Amino acid sequence: MPRRLKLSQLQRDIMWTLREAGGETVGTVTATVKPLVQIEFDRAVDELIKLGLVKMESSTHHDKAELVLTETGIEALRK
């Protein structure tokens, strides 16, 4: 039986934001979830990347980094 992930509220907000779009620039995700402190957002993203739930890619439309939900992340949202 798969283990249920314990994510912070900020991590859940990031995941749900990406679920709707599939991928967004880091700036757009930050503006959407409105973290109190930027370092808190950075740590949340780093942990989601380590867990394999999101990945960082170069944006196809901008010279900015984009957060993209992985297959593992999609599966985690279904649970």
Protein backbone atom coordinates (compact mmCIF):
# COMPACT_ATOMS: atom_id res chain seq x y z
CA MET A 1 0.00 0.00 0.00
CA PRO A 2 1.49 3.40 -0.96
CA ARG A 3 2.52 5.69 1.83
CA ARG A 4 0.54 8.92 2.11
CA LEU A 5 2.73 12.00 1.79
CA LYS A 6 2.69 14.66 4.47
CA LEU A 7 2.98 17.98 2.70
CA SER A 8 2.82 21.45 4.18
CA GLN A 9 -0.09 23.70 3.26
CA LEU A 10 2.23 25.70 1.00
CA GLN A 11 3.39 22.51 -0.77
CA ARG A 12 -0.23 21.44 -1.27
CA ASP A 13 -1.08 24.88 -2.66
CA ILE A 14 1.83 24.65 -5.11
CA MET A 15 0.74 21.17 -6.21
CA TRP A 16 -2.89 22.23 -6.76
CA THR A 17 -1.77 25.31 -8.69
CA LEU A 18 0.30 23.10 -10.99
CA ARG A 19 -2.51 20.57 -11.28
CA GLU A 20 -4.72 23.16 -12.93
CA ALA A 21 -2.07 24.33 -15.40
CA GLY A 22 0.34 21.39 -15.67
CA GLY A 23 3.23 23.84 -15.52
CA GLU A 24 3.75 27.49 -14.68
CA THR A 25 6.65 29.87 -14.31
CA VAL A 26 8.05 30.14 -10.80
CA GLY A 27 6.90 33.77 -10.67
CA THR A 28 3.33 32.84 -11.55
CA VAL A 29 3.20 30.09 -8.93
CA THR A 30 4.66 32.46 -6.33
CA ALA A 31 2.05 35.10 -7.18
CA THR A 32 -0.73 32.52 -6.98
CA VAL A 33 0.16 30.88 -3.65
CA LYS A 34 1.44 34.11 -2.03
CA PRO A 35 4.00 32.73 0.44
CA LEU A 36 4.73 34.88 3.47
CA VAL A 37 8.48 34.57 2.93
CA GLN A 38 10.28 33.77 -0.35
CA ILE A 39 12.71 31.36 1.36
CA GLU A 40 9.73 29.35 2.62
CA PHE A 41 8.51 29.02 -0.97
CA ASP A 42 12.00 28.03 -2.17
CA ARG A 43 12.28 25.34 0.50
CA ALA A 44 8.82 23.99 -0.31
CA VAL A 45 9.71 23.74 -4.01
CA ASP A 46 13.08 22.12 -3.24
CA GLU A 47 11.36 19.45 -1.14
CA LEU A 48 8.73 18.79 -3.83
CA ILE A 49 11.55 18.35 -6.35
CA LYS A 50 13.40 15.95 -4.01
CA LEU A 51 10.20 13.94 -3.61
CA GLY A 52 9.89 13.76 -7.41
CA LEU A 53 6.49 15.48 -7.44
CA VAL A 54 7.56 18.49 -9.51
CA LYS A 55 10.49 19.34 -11.72
CA MET A 56 12.11 22.57 -12.82
CA GLU A 57 12.40 23.16 -16.56
CA SER A 58 13.31 26.00 -18.84
CA SER A 59 10.14 27.70 -20.00
CA THR A 60 9.34 27.34 -23.69
CA HIS A 61 7.76 30.79 -23.90
CA HIS A 62 10.00 32.78 -21.55
CA ASP A 63 13.57 32.96 -20.33
CA LYS A 64 12.27 31.88 -16.93
CA ALA A 65 12.22 28.66 -14.95
CA GLU A 66 8.99 26.72 -15.00
CA LEU A 67 7.64 24.28 -12.41
CA VAL A 68 6.04 21.22 -13.95
CA LEU A 69 4.03 18.51 -12.23
CA THR A 70 5.58 15.06 -12.76
CA GLU A 71 3.71 11.79 -13.29
CA THR A 72 4.48 10.96 -9.66
CA GLY A 73 2.98 14.31 -8.66
CA ILE A 74 -0.14 13.66 -10.70
CA GLU A 75 -0.55 10.27 -9.03
CA ALA A 76 -0.03 11.81 -5.57
CA LEU A 77 -2.86 14.28 -6.23
CA ARG A 78 -5.24 11.43 -7.06
CA LYS A 79 -4.82 9.90 -3.60
